[in-house]
């Protein structure tokens, strides 16, 4: 390093990082609020429609909003972090979640309800993209542990609303509003410490500096991402493969949430039996979130595990196609095990990048594509079912998608780093 660079680096503030316990607590607070806004609607959708006078078309729009908003706003999250920093942008996202969920539970207008839902999902989208970069920055040697905390808490946050929505909604005519409001209160509680973290992590540059060392120090402290947007993720084969892997597994997950219960009911299972099968699929996300980040960090034969998850997904669809009512719990177990692909994809975002800036860029590259497919997949599968009057073609296509997921996942799991493969865009290099 040149003498001038050493002197400039000496003027920067010290690296500001959180203790592991504080970083883990911050991850739990944000992660537990990234899914309930979406999963809490389904169990009370009929009551919501009756209360707001919402027709089936608008209800369909409501169910598509998570994937669409995650895709659109997620694509902008890295750009937002260049101005407000990772910590500040996540804090603003959690505050948006709280405001959207609380206010939508008291409005009586359909349009206002949808707009506030978009606001809440926009906040969740920001968290989806930037939490992996936060984990990369503060995890250090315990990054795999923080990834496990993140993936597990996401699964818990998605599952709890499915369990408590009905009891909360049964409390009276406004029960469905109470069922939705509780998650706004949870997000409000989480927003307060995240605002503290955002202010603590600010590390402004001194006037007259502006060197690469200064910028790097600001980034390490949770400040802006100075070079985000200047690297072409498409120049990295690992990034492209991970993008495809994240996209296909997201599509499968949202198709399962939207249609598998109906597939079971069409096969002769009762509503409660079909719901129990879906609970099996969703609950397996909890052990998946615990196990897969550790495997991503340590397992030398990771590509074997990725292929096994894809094979389980394909087998689950084939079972639903050929013998849906024979051993329904087996197909649910296979699909739930295949769902370990989600925490695997999240862990690969941090595991296949070194620099937190690249982690944020990689997350912002992969996740919007994934959630766009997550929004389109259920519509496409439902349209195919309506057009053919059968689940044969939809399930066949879904089974074939597991092959794509296997090859993309094995390429993404190869022990390579995106940082080493990136090329500068036309905007220039740092």
Protein backbone atom coordinates (compact mmCIF):
# COMPACT_ATOMS: atom_id res chain seq x y z
CA UNK A 1 0.00 0.00 0.00
CA UNK A 2 1.33 3.47 -0.88
CA UNK A 3 2.20 5.98 1.86
CA UNK A 4 -0.68 8.22 0.77
CA UNK A 5 -3.08 5.30 0.96
CA UNK A 6 -1.83 4.39 4.45
CA UNK A 7 -2.32 7.96 5.65
CA UNK A 8 -5.81 8.12 4.14
CA UNK A 9 -6.77 4.75 5.61
CA UNK A 10 -5.59 6.01 8.98
CA UNK A 11 -8.18 8.78 8.87
CA UNK A 12 -11.14 6.39 8.56
CA UNK A 13 -13.25 5.35 11.43
CA UNK A 14 -12.66 1.93 13.00
CA UNK A 15 -14.61 -1.01 11.69
CA UNK A 16 -17.97 -1.15 13.45
CA UNK A 17 -19.36 -4.63 13.86
CA UNK A 18 -21.98 -6.16 16.10
CA UNK A 19 -21.24 -8.89 18.63
CA UNK A 20 -22.45 -12.28 17.44
CA UNK A 21 -25.37 -12.35 19.88
CA UNK A 22 -26.53 -8.91 18.75
CA UNK A 23 -26.19 -9.81 15.06
CA UNK A 24 -28.16 -13.02 15.67
CA UNK A 25 -30.88 -11.12 17.53
CA UNK A 26 -31.08 -8.59 14.70
CA UNK A 27 -31.40 -11.37 12.13
CA UNK A 28 -34.17 -13.05 14.14
CA UNK A 29 -36.08 -9.76 14.50
CA UNK A 30 -36.09 -9.07 10.78
CA UNK A 31 -36.46 -12.65 9.55
CA UNK A 32 -39.51 -13.46 11.64
CA UNK A 33 -41.28 -10.52 9.96
CA UNK A 34 -40.44 -11.33 6.32
CA UNK A 35 -43.19 -13.91 5.71
CA UNK A 36 -46.23 -13.49 8.03
CA UNK A 37 -47.57 -10.59 5.97
CA UNK A 38 -48.05 -13.05 3.13
CA UNK A 39 -48.90 -16.32 4.87
CA UNK A 40 -51.35 -14.76 7.36
CA UNK A 41 -53.81 -13.86 4.59
CA UNK A 42 -54.63 -17.31 3.22
CA UNK A 43 -56.32 -18.75 6.34
CA UNK A 44 -58.65 -15.72 6.62
CA UNK A 45 -59.06 -14.92 2.92
CA UNK A 46 -62.78 -15.74 2.87
CA UNK A 47 -63.46 -13.54 5.90
CA UNK A 48 -61.31 -10.78 4.42
CA UNK A 49 -63.25 -10.89 1.16
CA UNK A 50 -66.56 -10.71 3.02
CA UNK A 51 -65.37 -7.87 5.24
CA UNK A 52 -64.08 -5.72 2.37
CA UNK A 53 -66.49 -6.91 -0.30
CA UNK A 54 -63.54 -8.11 -2.33
CA UNK A 55 -64.27 -10.22 -5.40
CA UNK A 56 -62.33 -13.24 -6.60
CA UNK A 57 -60.35 -11.21 -9.15
CA UNK A 58 -58.95 -8.83 -6.55
CA UNK A 59 -58.37 -11.76 -4.22
CA UNK A 60 -56.28 -13.35 -6.96
CA UNK A 61 -54.29 -10.13 -7.29
CA UNK A 62 -53.75 -10.15 -3.52
CA UNK A 63 -52.30 -13.67 -3.58
CA UNK A 64 -49.92 -12.70 -6.42
CA UNK A 65 -48.63 -9.55 -4.71
CA UNK A 66 -45.88 -11.18 -2.60
CA UNK A 67 -43.96 -12.56 -5.56
CA UNK A 68 -44.52 -9.50 -7.76
CA UNK A 69 -43.53 -7.00 -5.07
CA UNK A 70 -40.54 -9.05 -3.95
CA UNK A 71 -39.34 -9.13 -7.55
CA UNK A 72 -39.83 -5.44 -8.40
CA UNK A 73 -38.73 -3.84 -5.13
CA UNK A 74 -36.04 -6.45 -4.58
CA UNK A 75 -34.38 -5.34 -7.80
CA UNK A 76 -34.11 -1.82 -6.33
CA UNK A 77 -32.89 -2.75 -2.85
CA UNK A 78 -29.16 -2.62 -3.59
CA UNK A 79 -29.53 0.81 -5.18
CA UNK A 80 -31.35 2.01 -2.05
CA UNK A 81 -28.52 0.69 0.14
CA UNK A 82 -26.00 2.77 -1.80
CA UNK A 83 -27.63 5.86 -0.31
CA UNK A 84 -28.80 4.75 3.14
CA UNK A 85 -26.47 1.83 3.87
CA UNK A 86 -27.43 -1.79 4.40
CA UNK A 87 -28.45 -1.33 8.03
CA UNK A 88 -30.43 1.84 7.38
CA UNK A 89 -32.25 0.35 4.40
CA UNK A 90 -33.20 -2.79 6.35
CA UNK A 91 -34.43 -0.61 9.22
CA UNK A 92 -36.58 1.39 6.81
CA UNK A 93 -37.88 -1.87 5.34
CA UNK A 94 -38.95 -3.21 8.74
CA UNK A 95 -40.68 0.11 9.49
CA UNK A 96 -42.54 -0.16 6.17
CA UNK A 97 -43.65 -3.68 7.07
CA UNK A 98 -45.00 -2.46 10.41
CA UNK A 99 -46.82 0.51 8.89
CA UNK A 100 -48.33 -1.47 6.04
CA UNK A 101 -49.55 -4.39 8.15
CA UNK A 102 -50.94 -2.26 10.97
CA UNK A 103 -52.78 0.19 8.73
CA UNK A 104 -54.22 -2.41 6.37
CA UNK A 105 -55.90 -4.13 9.31
CA UNK A 106 -58.07 -1.07 10.01
CA UNK A 107 -58.95 0.29 6.56
CA UNK A 108 -62.28 -0.46 4.91
CA UNK A 109 -61.31 0.33 1.31
CA UNK A 110 -60.21 -2.46 -1.02
CA UNK A 111 -57.78 -0.16 -2.84
CA UNK A 112 -56.25 1.10 0.41
CA UNK A 113 -55.88 -2.48 1.64
CA UNK A 114 -54.02 -3.49 -1.53
CA UNK A 115 -51.76 -0.41 -1.49
CA UNK A 116 -50.84 -0.92 2.15
CA UNK A 117 -50.18 -4.58 1.43
CA UNK A 118 -47.78 -3.51 -1.32
CA UNK A 119 -46.04 -1.19 1.17
CA UNK A 120 -45.59 -4.07 3.63
CA UNK A 121 -44.33 -6.43 0.95
CA UNK A 122 -41.92 -3.75 -0.30
CA UNK A 123 -40.36 -3.65 3.16
CA UNK A 124 -40.10 -7.43 3.18
CA UNK A 125 -38.46 -7.35 -0.26
CA UNK A 126 -35.73 -5.07 1.07
CA UNK A 127 -35.04 -7.50 3.90
CA UNK A 128 -34.98 -10.47 1.52
CA UNK A 129 -32.19 -8.88 -0.52
CA UNK A 130 -30.05 -7.21 2.13
CA UNK A 131 -30.12 -9.55 5.12
CA UNK A 132 -27.65 -11.97 3.41
CA UNK A 133 -25.21 -9.05 3.03
CA UNK A 134 -25.74 -8.13 6.70
CA UNK A 135 -24.98 -11.74 7.64
CA UNK A 136 -21.85 -11.75 5.48
CA UNK A 137 -20.62 -8.56 7.12
CA UNK A 138 -21.20 -9.56 10.74
CA UNK A 139 -20.96 -13.35 10.63
CA UNK A 140 -17.23 -13.83 10.24
CA UNK A 141 -16.36 -17.40 11.18
CA UNK A 142 -19.97 -17.87 12.32
CA UNK A 143 -21.59 -16.96 9.00
CA UNK A 144 -23.01 -20.49 8.65
CA UNK A 145 -24.55 -20.19 12.12
CA UNK A 146 -26.21 -16.88 11.24
CA UNK A 147 -27.45 -18.38 7.99
CA UNK A 148 -29.03 -21.21 10.00
CA UNK A 149 -30.66 -18.68 12.32
CA UNK A 150 -31.96 -16.77 9.30
CA UNK A 151 -33.33 -19.74 7.38
CA UNK A 152 -34.93 -21.30 10.44
CA UNK A 153 -36.57 -18.07 11.57
CA UNK A 154 -37.94 -17.48 8.07
CA UNK A 155 -39.59 -20.91 8.21
CA UNK A 156 -40.96 -20.27 11.69
CA UNK A 157 -42.32 -16.89 10.60
CA UNK A 158 -44.05 -18.52 7.64
CA UNK A 159 -45.53 -21.38 9.69
CA UNK A 160 -46.86 -19.65 12.82
CA UNK A 161 -49.55 -17.62 11.00
CA UNK A 162 -50.92 -20.85 9.52
CA UNK A 163 -51.37 -22.19 13.05
CA UNK A 164 -52.82 -19.18 14.88
CA UNK A 165 -54.76 -17.31 12.17
CA UNK A 166 -57.94 -19.36 12.55
CA UNK A 167 -58.12 -19.15 16.38
CA UNK A 168 -57.52 -15.38 16.28
CA UNK A 169 -60.12 -14.91 13.54
CA UNK A 170 -62.71 -16.82 15.54
CA UNK A 171 -62.86 -14.09 18.18
CA UNK A 172 -65.60 -12.08 16.50
CA UNK A 173 -66.71 -10.24 13.38
CA UNK A 174 -63.43 -8.32 13.29
CA UNK A 175 -61.38 -11.42 14.09
CA UNK A 176 -59.75 -11.48 10.68
CA UNK A 177 -58.47 -7.93 11.28
CA UNK A 178 -57.03 -8.94 14.64
CA UNK A 179 -55.38 -11.92 12.95
CA UNK A 180 -53.65 -9.59 10.50
CA UNK A 181 -52.92 -6.80 13.01
CA UNK A 182 -50.82 -8.96 15.32
CA UNK A 183 -48.09 -9.21 12.68
CA UNK A 184 -47.99 -5.46 12.27
CA UNK A 185 -47.39 -5.18 16.00
CA UNK A 186 -44.59 -7.76 15.78
CA UNK A 187 -42.91 -5.77 13.00
CA UNK A 188 -43.28 -2.53 14.99
CA UNK A 189 -41.44 -4.14 17.91
CA UNK A 190 -38.67 -5.26 15.54
CA UNK A 191 -38.34 -1.83 13.93
CA UNK A 192 -37.17 -0.09 17.11
CA UNK A 193 -33.89 -2.03 17.65
CA UNK A 194 -33.22 -2.00 13.90
CA UNK A 195 -33.39 1.81 13.88
CA UNK A 196 -30.86 1.79 16.73
CA UNK A 197 -28.62 -0.55 14.72
CA UNK A 198 -28.88 1.72 11.69
CA UNK A 199 -27.76 4.80 13.61
CA UNK A 200 -25.01 2.90 15.42
CA UNK A 201 -23.63 1.56 12.16
CA UNK A 202 -23.30 4.90 10.38
CA UNK A 203 -19.67 5.70 9.59
CA UNK A 204 -19.50 8.87 7.49
CA UNK A 205 -16.33 9.73 5.58
CA UNK A 206 -14.28 12.71 6.63
CA UNK A 207 -14.42 15.74 4.42
CA UNK A 208 -11.70 15.83 1.83
CA UNK A 209 -11.09 12.08 1.74
CA UNK A 210 -13.08 9.69 -0.41
CA UNK A 211 -10.42 7.08 -1.02
CA UNK A 212 -11.14 3.46 -1.63
CA UNK A 213 -10.11 2.76 1.94
CA UNK A 214 -12.62 5.29 3.26
CA UNK A 215 -15.37 3.81 1.15
CA UNK A 216 -14.51 0.29 2.22
CA UNK A 217 -14.59 1.34 5.87
CA UNK A 218 -18.03 2.86 5.42
CA UNK A 219 -19.26 -0.35 3.83
CA UNK A 220 -17.83 -2.48 6.63
CA UNK A 221 -19.71 -0.36 9.13
CA UNK A 222 -23.05 -0.87 7.49
CA UNK A 223 -22.75 2.18 5.29
CA UNK A 224 -23.45 2.55 1.57
CA UNK A 225 -22.34 0.06 -1.05
CA UNK A 226 -20.12 2.36 -3.13
CA UNK A 227 -19.47 0.01 -6.03
CA UNK A 228 -22.80 -1.81 -6.18
CA UNK A 229 -24.22 -1.79 -9.67
CA UNK A 230 -20.81 -1.52 -11.39
CA UNK A 231 -20.19 -5.22 -11.81
CA UNK A 232 -21.96 -7.48 -14.30
CA UNK A 233 -23.36 -10.48 -12.46
CA UNK A 234 -24.08 -12.16 -15.78
CA UNK A 235 -20.32 -12.45 -16.30
CA UNK A 236 -20.20 -14.99 -13.46
CA UNK A 237 -21.27 -18.52 -14.34
CA UNK A 238 -21.78 -19.27 -10.65
CA UNK A 239 -24.05 -16.23 -10.25
CA UNK A 240 -26.14 -17.18 -13.30
CA UNK A 241 -26.48 -20.78 -12.08
CA UNK A 242 -27.46 -19.64 -8.60
CA UNK A 243 -30.00 -17.23 -10.08
CA UNK A 244 -31.61 -20.08 -12.03
CA UNK A 245 -31.51 -22.38 -9.00
CA UNK A 246 -33.11 -19.77 -6.74
CA UNK A 247 -35.75 -19.05 -9.38
CA UNK A 248 -36.82 -22.63 -10.02
CA UNK A 249 -36.96 -23.57 -6.34
CA UNK A 250 -38.97 -20.40 -5.58
CA UNK A 251 -41.44 -21.24 -8.32
CA UNK A 252 -41.88 -24.74 -6.94
CA UNK A 253 -42.36 -23.46 -3.40
CA UNK A 254 -45.11 -21.02 -4.33
CA UNK A 255 -46.82 -23.54 -6.62
CA UNK A 256 -46.91 -25.94 -3.69
CA UNK A 257 -48.33 -23.30 -1.34
CA UNK A 258 -50.97 -22.39 -3.89
CA UNK A 259 -52.05 -25.71 -5.42
CA UNK A 260 -50.85 -28.84 -3.63
CA UNK A 261 -53.70 -28.75 -1.10
CA UNK A 262 -56.18 -28.63 -3.98
CA UNK A 263 -54.40 -31.50 -5.73
CA UNK A 264 -54.84 -33.58 -2.59
CA UNK A 265 -58.50 -32.60 -2.27
CA UNK A 266 -59.11 -33.50 -5.92
CA UNK A 267 -57.59 -36.89 -5.12
CA UNK A 268 -60.22 -37.49 -2.43
CA UNK A 269 -58.63 -36.13 0.76
CA UNK A 270 -60.71 -33.98 3.08
CA UNK A 271 -59.95 -30.31 3.66
CA UNK A 272 -58.34 -31.03 7.02
CA UNK A 273 -56.27 -33.89 5.61
CA UNK A 274 -55.06 -31.72 2.73
CA UNK A 275 -54.21 -28.95 5.19
CA UNK A 276 -52.22 -31.38 7.29
CA UNK A 277 -50.22 -32.44 4.22
CA UNK A 278 -49.41 -28.78 3.58
CA UNK A 279 -48.37 -28.36 7.21
CA UNK A 280 -45.91 -31.22 6.76
CA UNK A 281 -44.38 -29.51 3.72
CA UNK A 282 -44.14 -26.11 5.44
CA UNK A 283 -42.83 -27.38 8.78
CA UNK A 284 -39.91 -29.18 7.16
CA UNK A 285 -38.52 -25.74 6.33
CA UNK A 286 -37.49 -25.45 9.99
CA UNK A 287 -34.97 -28.34 10.06
CA UNK A 288 -33.94 -27.35 6.53
CA UNK A 289 -32.99 -23.91 7.77
CA UNK A 290 -30.89 -25.46 10.54
CA UNK A 291 -29.11 -28.11 8.48
CA UNK A 292 -28.38 -26.73 5.02
CA UNK A 293 -26.30 -23.63 5.88
CA UNK A 294 -23.91 -25.85 7.85
CA UNK A 295 -23.63 -28.25 4.91
CA UNK A 296 -23.02 -25.39 2.49
CA UNK A 297 -20.21 -24.14 4.74
CA UNK A 298 -18.54 -27.49 5.38
CA UNK A 299 -19.63 -30.32 3.06
CA UNK A 300 -17.11 -31.10 0.28
CA UNK A 301 -19.71 -33.10 -1.64
CA UNK A 302 -22.38 -30.40 -1.62
CA UNK A 303 -23.41 -31.09 -5.22
CA UNK A 304 -24.59 -34.56 -4.17
CA UNK A 305 -26.92 -33.04 -1.58
CA UNK A 306 -28.26 -30.50 -4.08
CA UNK A 307 -29.00 -33.27 -6.57
CA UNK A 308 -30.74 -35.30 -3.84
CA UNK A 309 -33.02 -32.38 -2.98
CA UNK A 310 -34.02 -31.97 -6.62
CA UNK A 311 -34.62 -35.71 -6.93
CA UNK A 312 -36.89 -35.65 -3.87
CA UNK A 313 -38.88 -32.79 -5.39
CA UNK A 314 -39.32 -34.64 -8.67
CA UNK A 315 -40.30 -37.85 -6.87
CA UNK A 316 -42.91 -35.97 -4.83
CA UNK A 317 -44.55 -34.62 -7.97
CA UNK A 318 -44.49 -38.01 -9.67
CA UNK A 319 -46.10 -39.54 -6.60
CA UNK A 320 -48.85 -36.90 -6.66
CA UNK A 321 -49.38 -37.66 -10.33
CA UNK A 322 -49.55 -41.46 -10.10
CA UNK A 323 -50.76 -42.28 -6.57
CA UNK A 324 -51.93 -39.04 -4.91
CA UNK A 325 -54.28 -40.62 -2.40
CA UNK A 326 -52.38 -43.83 -1.63
CA UNK A 327 -49.61 -42.60 0.67
CA UNK A 328 -50.17 -38.82 0.68
CA UNK A 329 -47.85 -38.25 3.64
CA UNK A 330 -44.92 -39.70 1.65
CA UNK A 331 -45.34 -37.20 -1.18
CA UNK A 332 -45.61 -34.39 1.36
CA UNK A 333 -42.41 -35.54 3.05
CA UNK A 334 -40.58 -35.72 -0.27
CA UNK A 335 -41.72 -32.23 -1.30
CA UNK A 336 -40.86 -30.88 2.15
CA UNK A 337 -37.40 -32.43 1.96
CA UNK A 338 -36.98 -30.98 -1.53
CA UNK A 339 -37.88 -27.62 0.00
CA UNK A 340 -34.49 -27.69 1.74
CA UNK A 341 -33.42 -26.08 -1.56
CA UNK A 342 -34.58 -22.68 -0.28
CA UNK A 343 -32.20 -22.39 2.71
CA UNK A 344 -29.53 -23.96 0.49
CA UNK A 345 -29.95 -21.17 -2.08
CA UNK A 346 -29.86 -18.50 0.64
CA UNK A 347 -26.70 -20.00 2.14
CA UNK A 348 -25.04 -20.19 -1.28
CA UNK A 349 -25.54 -16.44 -1.74
CA UNK A 350 -23.20 -15.82 1.18
CA UNK A 351 -21.14 -18.97 0.68
CA UNK A 352 -20.19 -18.21 -2.93
CA UNK A 353 -19.20 -14.58 -2.34
CA UNK A 354 -16.46 -13.01 -0.26
CA UNK A 355 -17.13 -9.27 -0.13
CA UNK A 356 -20.39 -8.09 1.50
CA UNK A 357 -20.86 -5.73 -1.45
CA UNK A 358 -20.76 -8.67 -3.86
CA UNK A 359 -23.10 -10.60 -1.54
CA UNK A 360 -25.62 -7.77 -1.75
CA UNK A 361 -25.27 -7.58 -5.54
CA UNK A 362 -25.62 -11.35 -5.87
CA UNK A 363 -28.70 -11.35 -3.66
CA UNK A 364 -30.19 -8.50 -5.67
CA UNK A 365 -29.47 -10.43 -8.87
CA UNK A 366 -30.90 -13.81 -7.83
CA UNK A 367 -33.90 -13.04 -5.66
CA UNK A 368 -35.93 -10.73 -7.93
CA UNK A 369 -35.78 -13.35 -10.68
CA UNK A 370 -36.78 -16.02 -8.19
CA UNK A 371 -39.78 -14.13 -6.90
CA UNK A 372 -40.88 -13.16 -10.40
CA UNK A 373 -41.07 -16.87 -11.19
CA UNK A 374 -42.75 -17.39 -7.82
CA UNK A 375 -45.50 -14.99 -8.93
CA UNK A 376 -45.84 -16.43 -12.44
CA UNK A 377 -45.60 -20.12 -11.54
CA UNK A 378 -48.89 -20.54 -9.66
CA UNK A 379 -50.76 -18.61 -12.36
CA UNK A 380 -49.27 -20.77 -15.12
CA UNK A 381 -49.97 -24.03 -13.32
CA UNK A 382 -53.52 -22.95 -12.54
CA UNK A 383 -54.09 -21.94 -16.15
CA UNK A 384 -52.82 -25.31 -17.39
CA UNK A 385 -55.12 -27.10 -15.00
CA UNK A 386 -58.09 -25.03 -16.15
CA UNK A 387 -57.26 -25.58 -19.81
CA UNK A 388 -56.75 -29.35 -19.55
CA UNK A 389 -59.15 -30.19 -16.71
CA UNK A 390 -56.45 -32.38 -15.20
CA UNK A 391 -53.32 -32.20 -13.04
CA UNK A 392 -51.39 -34.51 -15.39
CA UNK A 393 -49.66 -31.87 -17.52
CA UNK A 394 -48.97 -29.43 -14.65
CA UNK A 395 -47.43 -32.14 -12.47
CA UNK A 396 -45.40 -33.49 -15.39
CA UNK A 397 -43.95 -30.03 -16.05
CA UNK A 398 -43.21 -29.54 -12.36
CA UNK A 399 -41.42 -32.89 -12.20
CA UNK A 400 -39.31 -31.88 -15.22
CA UNK A 401 -38.43 -28.59 -13.52
CA UNK A 402 -36.62 -30.57 -10.85
CA UNK A 403 -34.08 -31.63 -13.50
CA UNK A 404 -33.32 -27.98 -14.27
CA UNK A 405 -33.06 -27.33 -10.54
CA UNK A 406 -30.58 -30.19 -10.15
CA UNK A 407 -28.18 -29.05 -12.87
CA UNK A 408 -28.38 -25.37 -11.90
CA UNK A 409 -27.89 -26.25 -8.24
CA UNK A 410 -24.86 -28.44 -8.90
CA UNK A 411 -23.24 -25.65 -10.93
CA UNK A 412 -23.98 -23.10 -8.20
CA UNK A 413 -22.66 -25.46 -5.51
CA UNK A 414 -19.24 -25.86 -7.18
CA UNK A 415 -16.49 -24.46 -4.90
CA UNK A 416 -16.04 -21.19 -6.80
CA UNK A 417 -16.48 -17.56 -5.80
CA UNK A 418 -18.53 -15.06 -7.74
CA UNK A 419 -15.99 -12.35 -6.83
CA UNK A 420 -13.33 -14.11 -8.92
CA UNK A 421 -15.55 -14.34 -12.00
CA UNK A 422 -16.97 -10.82 -12.19
CA UNK A 423 -16.14 -8.38 -14.95
CA UNK A 424 -16.76 -4.62 -14.82
CA UNK A 425 -19.73 -3.13 -16.60
CA UNK A 426 -19.47 -0.25 -19.01
CA UNK A 427 -19.69 2.09 -16.04
CA UNK A 428 -16.13 1.17 -15.16
CA UNK A 429 -14.31 -0.59 -12.37
CA UNK A 430 -13.95 0.62 -8.80
